[in-house]
Amino acid sequence: MRAIEEDRQSINGQSIKTFKSIIKQPGVQIEVEAGTNGFKGTACRKGGSRAYVRIVRRQADMAFEPVTDKDGNIEGFEFATSGDSALLALMNTLGFICEALADPIEASLN
């Protein structure tokens, strides 16, 4: 993994290691952070795994918007890119996230 920095985030009272990177393409810079504590053997919050993902557009033609339900509660997000560089940076960002989440899961299974 090409993480440039390690950090920690607290998710529902549990600290997890995260990995940060800057994804760059011509005219594009995306800051990404992701991590998990791996599988813990339960689906519930009490003992289950934790995961964290953060994407910040530092320079790019991209739009991020929350997706809300009929009552205005945020239930997701959407983002859109313009340009080949932004598309490639988005693909690299998602790849980094998958890698940052998969490595600790593999380690937790061994």
N, C-alpha and C. Protein backbone atom coordinates (compact mmCIF):
# COMPACT_ATOMS: atom_id res chain seq x y z
N MET A 1 0.85 -1.17 0.00
CA MET A 1 0.00 0.00 0.00
C MET A 1 0.89 1.23 0.00
N ARG A 2 0.49 2.29 -0.65
CA ARG A 2 1.32 3.47 -0.77
C ARG A 2 0.89 4.58 0.19
N ALA A 3 0.49 4.22 1.38
CA ALA A 3 0.08 5.22 2.37
C ALA A 3 1.26 6.12 2.70
N ILE A 4 0.99 7.40 2.80
CA ILE A 4 2.06 8.32 3.14
C ILE A 4 2.06 8.64 4.63
N GLU A 5 0.97 8.28 5.31
CA GLU A 5 0.88 8.62 6.72
C GLU A 5 -0.10 7.66 7.40
N GLU A 6 0.20 7.29 8.62
CA GLU A 6 -0.73 6.52 9.43
C GLU A 6 -1.35 7.44 10.47
N ASP A 7 -2.59 7.16 10.83
CA ASP A 7 -3.29 7.95 11.83
C ASP A 7 -4.21 7.01 12.59
N ARG A 8 -5.01 7.55 13.48
CA ARG A 8 -6.01 6.77 14.21
C ARG A 8 -7.29 7.57 14.24
N GLN A 9 -8.42 6.87 14.17
CA GLN A 9 -9.73 7.48 14.29
C GLN A 9 -10.52 6.67 15.32
N SER A 10 -11.38 7.33 16.06
CA SER A 10 -12.24 6.65 17.02
C SER A 10 -13.62 6.49 16.41
N ILE A 11 -14.07 5.25 16.29
CA ILE A 11 -15.37 4.94 15.72
C ILE A 11 -16.18 4.21 16.78
N ASN A 12 -17.25 4.83 17.26
CA ASN A 12 -18.10 4.24 18.30
C ASN A 12 -17.28 3.69 19.47
N GLY A 13 -16.33 4.48 19.93
CA GLY A 13 -15.56 4.13 21.11
C GLY A 13 -14.37 3.22 20.88
N GLN A 14 -14.13 2.81 19.65
CA GLN A 14 -12.97 1.96 19.37
C GLN A 14 -12.01 2.70 18.46
N SER A 15 -10.74 2.65 18.80
CA SER A 15 -9.70 3.30 18.01
C SER A 15 -9.24 2.35 16.91
N ILE A 16 -9.16 2.87 15.70
CA ILE A 16 -8.68 2.06 14.57
C ILE A 16 -7.55 2.79 13.86
N LYS A 17 -6.62 2.02 13.30
CA LYS A 17 -5.53 2.60 12.51
C LYS A 17 -6.07 2.94 11.12
N THR A 18 -5.70 4.13 10.63
CA THR A 18 -6.08 4.54 9.29
C THR A 18 -4.83 4.87 8.48
N PHE A 19 -5.00 4.88 7.18
CA PHE A 19 -3.93 5.22 6.25
C PHE A 19 -4.38 6.40 5.41
N LYS A 20 -3.47 7.37 5.23
CA LYS A 20 -3.77 8.59 4.47
C LYS A 20 -2.87 8.67 3.24
N SER A 21 -3.41 9.22 2.18
CA SER A 21 -2.62 9.44 0.98
C SER A 21 -3.18 10.63 0.23
N ILE A 22 -2.37 11.18 -0.63
CA ILE A 22 -2.81 12.22 -1.56
C ILE A 22 -2.76 11.59 -2.96
N ILE A 23 -3.89 11.56 -3.62
CA ILE A 23 -3.98 11.03 -4.98
C ILE A 23 -3.86 12.23 -5.92
N LYS A 24 -2.89 12.16 -6.84
CA LYS A 24 -2.64 13.28 -7.74
C LYS A 24 -2.73 12.84 -9.20
N GLN A 25 -3.33 13.69 -9.97
CA GLN A 25 -3.36 13.61 -11.43
C GLN A 25 -3.24 15.06 -11.91
N PRO A 26 -2.96 15.30 -13.17
CA PRO A 26 -2.86 16.69 -13.64
C PRO A 26 -4.12 17.49 -13.28
N GLY A 27 -3.94 18.54 -12.49
CA GLY A 27 -5.05 19.41 -12.10
C GLY A 27 -5.95 18.83 -11.02
N VAL A 28 -5.54 17.71 -10.42
CA VAL A 28 -6.38 17.03 -9.43
C VAL A 28 -5.55 16.64 -8.23
N GLN A 29 -6.10 16.88 -7.05
CA GLN A 29 -5.52 16.41 -5.80
C GLN A 29 -6.65 16.00 -4.88
N ILE A 30 -6.63 14.73 -4.48
CA ILE A 30 -7.64 14.21 -3.56
C ILE A 30 -6.93 13.65 -2.34
N GLU A 31 -7.38 14.08 -1.17
CA GLU A 31 -6.87 13.53 0.09
C GLU A 31 -7.79 12.40 0.51
N VAL A 32 -7.23 11.26 0.82
CA VAL A 32 -8.03 10.10 1.19
C VAL A 32 -7.48 9.48 2.46
N GLU A 33 -8.39 9.04 3.32
CA GLU A 33 -8.01 8.34 4.54
C GLU A 33 -8.99 7.18 4.72
N ALA A 34 -8.48 6.01 5.05
CA ALA A 34 -9.34 4.84 5.24
C ALA A 34 -8.67 3.87 6.19
N GLY A 35 -9.50 3.12 6.91
CA GLY A 35 -8.97 2.10 7.78
C GLY A 35 -10.08 1.28 8.41
N THR A 36 -9.69 0.16 8.97
CA THR A 36 -10.60 -0.73 9.68
C THR A 36 -9.80 -1.53 10.70
N ASN A 37 -10.50 -2.09 11.67
CA ASN A 37 -9.84 -2.99 12.62
C ASN A 37 -10.06 -4.45 12.22
N GLY A 38 -10.57 -4.69 11.02
CA GLY A 38 -10.74 -6.05 10.53
C GLY A 38 -12.01 -6.69 11.03
N PHE A 39 -12.24 -7.91 10.60
CA PHE A 39 -13.42 -8.66 11.03
C PHE A 39 -13.28 -9.03 12.51
N LYS A 40 -14.39 -8.94 13.23
CA LYS A 40 -14.39 -9.24 14.66
C LYS A 40 -15.38 -10.35 15.03
N GLY A 41 -16.06 -10.91 14.06
CA GLY A 41 -16.91 -12.06 14.31
C GLY A 41 -18.33 -11.76 14.73
N THR A 42 -18.75 -10.53 14.65
CA THR A 42 -20.13 -10.20 14.98
C THR A 42 -20.59 -9.01 14.16
N ALA A 43 -21.86 -8.99 13.87
CA ALA A 43 -22.41 -7.91 13.06
C ALA A 43 -22.87 -6.73 13.90
N CYS A 44 -22.87 -6.87 15.21
CA CYS A 44 -23.41 -5.81 16.05
C CYS A 44 -22.34 -4.80 16.45
N ARG A 45 -22.78 -3.65 16.89
CA ARG A 45 -21.89 -2.57 17.29
C ARG A 45 -21.05 -2.93 18.51
N LYS A 46 -21.60 -3.77 19.41
CA LYS A 46 -20.89 -4.10 20.65
C LYS A 46 -19.51 -4.69 20.40
N GLY A 47 -19.40 -5.62 19.48
CA GLY A 47 -18.11 -6.28 19.28
C GLY A 47 -17.68 -6.34 17.83
N GLY A 48 -18.45 -5.76 16.95
CA GLY A 48 -18.16 -5.86 15.53
C GLY A 48 -17.03 -4.95 15.07
N SER A 49 -16.67 -5.11 13.83
CA SER A 49 -15.58 -4.32 13.25
C SER A 49 -15.99 -2.86 13.10
N ARG A 50 -14.99 -2.04 12.90
CA ARG A 50 -15.19 -0.62 12.63
C ARG A 50 -14.47 -0.28 11.33
N ALA A 51 -15.01 0.65 10.59
CA ALA A 51 -14.37 1.11 9.35
C ALA A 51 -14.56 2.61 9.23
N TYR A 52 -13.62 3.25 8.56
CA TYR A 52 -13.63 4.71 8.39
C TYR A 52 -13.12 5.04 7.00
N VAL A 53 -13.82 5.93 6.30
CA VAL A 53 -13.39 6.40 4.97
C VAL A 53 -13.63 7.91 4.91
N ARG A 54 -12.64 8.63 4.43
CA ARG A 54 -12.74 10.09 4.26
C ARG A 54 -12.12 10.46 2.94
N ILE A 55 -12.83 11.24 2.13
CA ILE A 55 -12.34 11.73 0.83
C ILE A 55 -12.52 13.24 0.83
N VAL A 56 -11.43 13.97 0.54
CA VAL A 56 -11.49 15.43 0.50
C VAL A 56 -10.91 15.90 -0.82
N ARG A 57 -11.69 16.65 -1.56
CA ARG A 57 -11.21 17.23 -2.82
C ARG A 57 -10.37 18.46 -2.49
N ARG A 58 -9.09 18.41 -2.81
CA ARG A 58 -8.22 19.56 -2.59
C ARG A 58 -8.12 20.39 -3.86
N GLN A 59 -8.13 19.73 -5.00
CA GLN A 59 -8.10 20.43 -6.28
C GLN A 59 -8.69 19.48 -7.32
N ALA A 60 -9.82 19.84 -7.90
CA ALA A 60 -10.43 19.00 -8.93
C ALA A 60 -11.79 19.56 -9.31
N ASP A 61 -12.26 19.16 -10.48
CA ASP A 61 -13.61 19.48 -10.90
C ASP A 61 -14.49 18.32 -10.48
N MET A 62 -14.88 18.34 -9.20
CA MET A 62 -15.69 17.29 -8.60
C MET A 62 -16.78 17.91 -7.75
N ALA A 63 -17.90 17.20 -7.64
CA ALA A 63 -18.99 17.65 -6.78
C ALA A 63 -19.34 16.54 -5.81
N PHE A 64 -19.52 16.89 -4.54
CA PHE A 64 -19.93 15.96 -3.49
C PHE A 64 -21.24 16.48 -2.91
N GLU A 65 -22.23 15.63 -2.78
CA GLU A 65 -23.52 16.04 -2.24
C GLU A 65 -24.07 14.96 -1.33
N PRO A 66 -24.73 15.34 -0.23
CA PRO A 66 -25.40 14.33 0.59
C PRO A 66 -26.66 13.83 -0.12
N VAL A 67 -27.03 12.59 0.13
CA VAL A 67 -28.29 12.03 -0.33
C VAL A 67 -29.19 11.95 0.89
N THR A 68 -30.37 12.54 0.79
CA THR A 68 -31.27 12.60 1.94
C THR A 68 -32.56 11.83 1.67
N ASP A 69 -33.19 11.40 2.76
CA ASP A 69 -34.49 10.75 2.64
C ASP A 69 -35.59 11.82 2.61
N LYS A 70 -36.84 11.39 2.58
CA LYS A 70 -37.95 12.34 2.46
C LYS A 70 -38.06 13.28 3.65
N ASP A 71 -37.44 12.91 4.80
CA ASP A 71 -37.46 13.77 5.99
C ASP A 71 -36.23 14.66 6.11
N GLY A 72 -35.34 14.58 5.11
CA GLY A 72 -34.14 15.40 5.13
C GLY A 72 -32.96 14.79 5.88
N ASN A 73 -33.09 13.54 6.32
CA ASN A 73 -32.00 12.86 7.01
C ASN A 73 -30.98 12.36 5.99
N ILE A 74 -29.73 12.59 6.26
CA ILE A 74 -28.67 12.12 5.35
C ILE A 74 -28.57 10.61 5.46
N GLU A 75 -28.68 9.94 4.30
CA GLU A 75 -28.57 8.48 4.28
C GLU A 75 -27.48 8.00 3.34
N GLY A 76 -26.73 8.92 2.77
CA GLY A 76 -25.64 8.56 1.87
C GLY A 76 -25.03 9.81 1.26
N PHE A 77 -24.23 9.60 0.22
CA PHE A 77 -23.65 10.71 -0.49
C PHE A 77 -23.45 10.31 -1.95
N GLU A 78 -23.30 11.32 -2.78
CA GLU A 78 -23.00 11.08 -4.19
C GLU A 78 -21.90 12.04 -4.60
N PHE A 79 -21.12 11.62 -5.57
CA PHE A 79 -20.12 12.54 -6.10
C PHE A 79 -20.00 12.32 -7.60
N ALA A 80 -19.59 13.38 -8.25
CA ALA A 80 -19.45 13.36 -9.71
C ALA A 80 -18.14 14.03 -10.08
N THR A 81 -17.55 13.58 -11.18
CA THR A 81 -16.30 14.16 -11.65
C THR A 81 -16.47 14.66 -13.07
N SER A 82 -15.61 15.58 -13.45
CA SER A 82 -15.52 16.05 -14.83
C SER A 82 -14.06 15.98 -15.25
N GLY A 83 -13.82 15.41 -16.41
CA GLY A 83 -12.46 15.34 -16.94
C GLY A 83 -11.81 13.99 -16.72
N ASP A 84 -10.91 13.66 -17.63
CA ASP A 84 -10.21 12.38 -17.57
C ASP A 84 -9.34 12.26 -16.32
N SER A 85 -8.63 13.33 -15.95
CA SER A 85 -7.77 13.29 -14.76
C SER A 85 -8.57 13.05 -13.50
N ALA A 86 -9.73 13.69 -13.39
CA ALA A 86 -10.57 13.51 -12.20
C ALA A 86 -11.11 12.08 -12.15
N LEU A 87 -11.48 11.52 -13.28
CA LEU A 87 -11.96 10.14 -13.32
C LEU A 87 -10.86 9.18 -12.88
N LEU A 88 -9.67 9.36 -13.41
CA LEU A 88 -8.55 8.49 -13.03
C LEU A 88 -8.21 8.65 -11.56
N ALA A 89 -8.22 9.88 -11.05
CA ALA A 89 -7.95 10.11 -9.63
C ALA A 89 -9.02 9.45 -8.76
N LEU A 90 -10.27 9.52 -9.19
CA LEU A 90 -11.35 8.86 -8.45
C LEU A 90 -11.13 7.35 -8.42
N MET A 91 -10.77 6.77 -9.54
CA MET A 91 -10.49 5.33 -9.59
C MET A 91 -9.34 4.97 -8.66
N ASN A 92 -8.28 5.76 -8.66
CA ASN A 92 -7.14 5.51 -7.78
C ASN A 92 -7.52 5.68 -6.31
N THR A 93 -8.38 6.65 -6.03
CA THR A 93 -8.85 6.88 -4.67
C THR A 93 -9.64 5.68 -4.17
N LEU A 94 -10.55 5.18 -4.98
CA LEU A 94 -11.35 4.03 -4.58
C LEU A 94 -10.48 2.79 -4.43
N GLY A 95 -9.47 2.65 -5.29
CA GLY A 95 -8.52 1.54 -5.16
C GLY A 95 -7.75 1.62 -3.86
N PHE A 96 -7.31 2.82 -3.49
CA PHE A 96 -6.60 3.02 -2.22
C PHE A 96 -7.49 2.63 -1.04
N ILE A 97 -8.75 3.04 -1.09
CA ILE A 97 -9.70 2.72 -0.02
C ILE A 97 -9.85 1.20 0.10
N CYS A 98 -10.04 0.53 -1.01
CA CYS A 98 -10.18 -0.93 -0.99
C CYS A 98 -8.95 -1.60 -0.39
N GLU A 99 -7.79 -1.11 -0.77
CA GLU A 99 -6.54 -1.66 -0.25
C GLU A 99 -6.41 -1.42 1.26
N ALA A 100 -6.72 -0.19 1.69
CA ALA A 100 -6.60 0.16 3.11
C ALA A 100 -7.57 -0.65 3.97
N LEU A 101 -8.71 -1.03 3.42
CA LEU A 101 -9.67 -1.83 4.17
C LEU A 101 -9.35 -3.33 4.08
N ALA A 102 -8.83 -3.79 2.95
CA ALA A 102 -8.57 -5.22 2.76
C ALA A 102 -7.37 -5.71 3.57
N ASP A 103 -6.31 -4.92 3.67
CA ASP A 103 -5.11 -5.37 4.37
C ASP A 103 -5.38 -5.75 5.83
N PRO A 104 -6.05 -4.89 6.63
CA PRO A 104 -6.33 -5.28 8.02
C PRO A 104 -7.31 -6.47 8.12
N ILE A 105 -8.21 -6.60 7.17
CA ILE A 105 -9.12 -7.74 7.18
C ILE A 105 -8.35 -9.02 6.98
N GLU A 106 -7.44 -9.03 6.01
CA GLU A 106 -6.60 -10.21 5.77
C GLU A 106 -5.79 -10.54 7.01
N ALA A 107 -5.24 -9.52 7.66
CA ALA A 107 -4.44 -9.75 8.87
C ALA A 107 -5.29 -10.31 10.00
N SER A 108 -6.55 -9.88 10.09
CA SER A 108 -7.42 -10.36 11.17
C SER A 108 -7.85 -11.81 10.96
N LEU A 109 -7.77 -12.30 9.74
CA LEU A 109 -8.17 -13.67 9.44
C LEU A 109 -7.05 -14.67 9.69
N ASN A 110 -5.83 -14.19 9.83
CA ASN A 110 -4.68 -15.08 10.05
C ASN A 110 -4.41 -15.32 11.51
